[in-house]
Protein backbone atom coordinates (compact mmCIF):
# COMPACT_ATOMS: atom_id res chain seq x y z
CA MET A 1 3.60 -16.94 -10.22
CA THR A 2 2.17 -16.69 -6.71
CA ILE A 3 4.19 -17.17 -3.54
CA LEU A 4 2.42 -20.50 -2.92
CA GLU A 5 3.30 -21.68 -6.41
CA ARG A 6 6.91 -20.52 -6.06
CA TYR A 7 7.42 -22.73 -2.97
CA LYS A 8 5.15 -25.52 -4.26
CA VAL A 9 2.86 -25.18 -1.25
CA ASN A 10 -0.18 -27.43 -1.10
CA ILE A 11 -2.63 -27.59 1.78
CA SER A 12 -5.14 -30.40 2.15
CA THR A 13 -6.81 -32.70 4.64
CA PRO A 14 -5.60 -36.12 3.49
CA VAL A 15 -6.57 -38.24 6.51
CA GLY A 16 -9.31 -37.57 9.01
CA ASP A 17 -9.70 -33.95 9.97
CA ARG A 18 -6.04 -32.97 10.35
CA ALA A 19 -4.81 -30.51 7.73
CA LEU A 20 -1.42 -31.01 6.15
CA ILE A 21 0.82 -28.59 4.31
CA THR A 22 3.45 -29.72 1.85
CA ALA A 23 6.08 -27.58 0.18
CA GLU A 24 9.22 -27.84 -1.91
CA ASN A 25 11.20 -27.83 1.32
CA MET A 26 10.29 -30.40 3.95
CA TRP A 27 11.62 -28.29 6.85
CA LEU A 28 9.39 -25.38 5.86
CA ALA A 29 6.40 -27.72 5.68
CA GLN A 30 7.22 -29.47 8.96
CA TYR A 31 7.68 -26.19 10.81
CA ILE A 32 4.28 -24.94 9.69
CA ASN A 33 2.60 -28.34 10.23
CA ASP A 34 3.66 -28.18 13.87
CA HIS A 35 1.32 -25.19 14.15
CA TYR A 36 -1.63 -27.51 13.47
CA SER A 37 -4.36 -25.66 15.36
CA LEU A 38 -5.92 -22.35 14.46
CA SER A 39 -4.67 -20.79 17.70
CA GLU A 40 -1.10 -21.94 16.98
CA ALA A 41 -1.27 -20.67 13.39
CA ASN A 42 -2.52 -17.31 14.67
CA ARG A 43 0.30 -17.20 17.22
CA LEU A 44 2.85 -17.85 14.46
CA LEU A 45 1.29 -15.19 12.23
CA GLN A 46 1.37 -12.70 15.11
CA SER A 47 5.08 -13.43 15.57
CA VAL A 48 5.72 -12.81 11.86
CA ASN A 49 3.73 -9.57 11.92
CA GLU A 50 5.60 -8.31 14.99
CA VAL A 51 8.89 -8.73 13.13
CA LEU A 52 7.58 -7.18 9.91
CA THR A 53 6.22 -4.13 11.76
CA GLY A 54 9.32 -3.64 13.89
CA VAL A 55 7.67 -4.52 17.21
CA ALA A 56 10.14 -7.41 17.60
CA SER A 57 13.50 -8.09 16.01
CA LEU A 58 13.18 -11.88 16.28
CA GLY A 59 10.19 -14.20 16.12
CA GLY A 60 9.47 -17.88 15.71
CA GLY A 61 11.16 -20.39 17.96
CA ALA A 62 11.31 -24.14 18.32
CA THR A 63 8.45 -26.54 17.61
CA GLN A 64 7.45 -29.86 19.13
CA SER A 65 9.32 -31.60 16.27
CA LEU A 66 12.43 -29.66 17.28
CA GLN A 67 12.70 -27.50 14.18
CA LEU A 68 13.65 -23.88 14.76
CA ALA A 69 12.66 -20.80 12.81
CA ASN A 70 14.40 -17.49 13.34
CA ILE A 71 11.99 -15.00 11.87
CA GLU A 72 13.88 -11.79 11.20
CA LEU A 73 14.17 -9.06 8.59
CA PRO A 74 14.65 -9.62 5.78
CA ASP A 75 14.65 -13.44 5.97
CA THR A 76 13.22 -16.34 7.91
CA LYS A 77 15.78 -19.06 8.59
CA ILE A 78 14.59 -22.59 9.30
CA TYR A 79 16.82 -25.15 10.99
CA LYS A 80 15.95 -28.84 11.03
CA ASP A 81 17.30 -29.36 14.56
CA VAL A 82 17.12 -26.82 17.37
CA ASP A 83 19.86 -28.65 19.32
CA ASP A 84 22.28 -28.41 16.39
CA TYR A 85 21.59 -24.68 16.20
CA PHE A 86 22.13 -24.08 19.91
CA ASP A 87 25.33 -26.14 19.79
CA ASP A 88 26.62 -23.84 17.03
CA GLU A 89 24.61 -20.75 16.18
CA THR A 90 26.81 -20.14 13.13
CA ILE A 91 25.55 -23.21 11.25
CA THR A 92 23.94 -22.73 7.87
CA PRO A 93 20.12 -22.73 7.97
CA ASP A 94 18.43 -25.67 6.27
CA PHE A 95 16.05 -23.33 4.44
CA VAL A 96 15.85 -19.57 4.00
CA LEU A 97 13.07 -17.49 2.50
CA PRO A 98 12.04 -13.84 2.67
CA THR A 99 9.95 -13.16 5.75
CA ALA A 100 7.31 -11.48 3.59
CA ASP A 101 6.97 -14.77 1.63
CA PHE A 102 6.83 -16.76 4.86
CA LYS A 103 3.96 -14.53 5.99
CA VAL A 104 1.95 -15.32 2.83
CA ILE A 105 2.41 -19.06 3.42
CA VAL A 106 1.43 -18.80 7.10
CA GLU A 107 -1.64 -16.73 6.15
CA ALA A 108 -2.70 -19.41 3.65
CA TRP A 109 -2.27 -22.05 6.35
CA ARG A 110 -4.30 -20.01 8.84
CA ASP A 111 -7.02 -19.37 6.26
CA TYR A 112 -7.27 -23.09 5.50
CA LEU A 113 -7.56 -23.94 9.20
CA GLN A 114 -10.37 -21.37 9.59
CA GLN A 115 -12.58 -23.18 7.05
């Protein structure tokens, strides 16, 4: 089973020319969808790579939809509401996946946007 299959990731262009990613977890999908341009997807991928190579200890950040991803080793933690997180940084993430898996999903998203 591939990483994309494991997380039930599907990427398509359902309406107009805007790509859309869906996944088993809506917060994962929404976070990536907020990186809707190729330049934003590349910026996100660079952030993931910096964490994976040890250049940075934390990547990600908040999106325009106010989700937050803390990209770290070994896991990426996604929170549905950045304000809730900053009110209490000990809250449980809404979705967690290995950062290496997150990278595969972001690469697939970037590749789709490059078409």
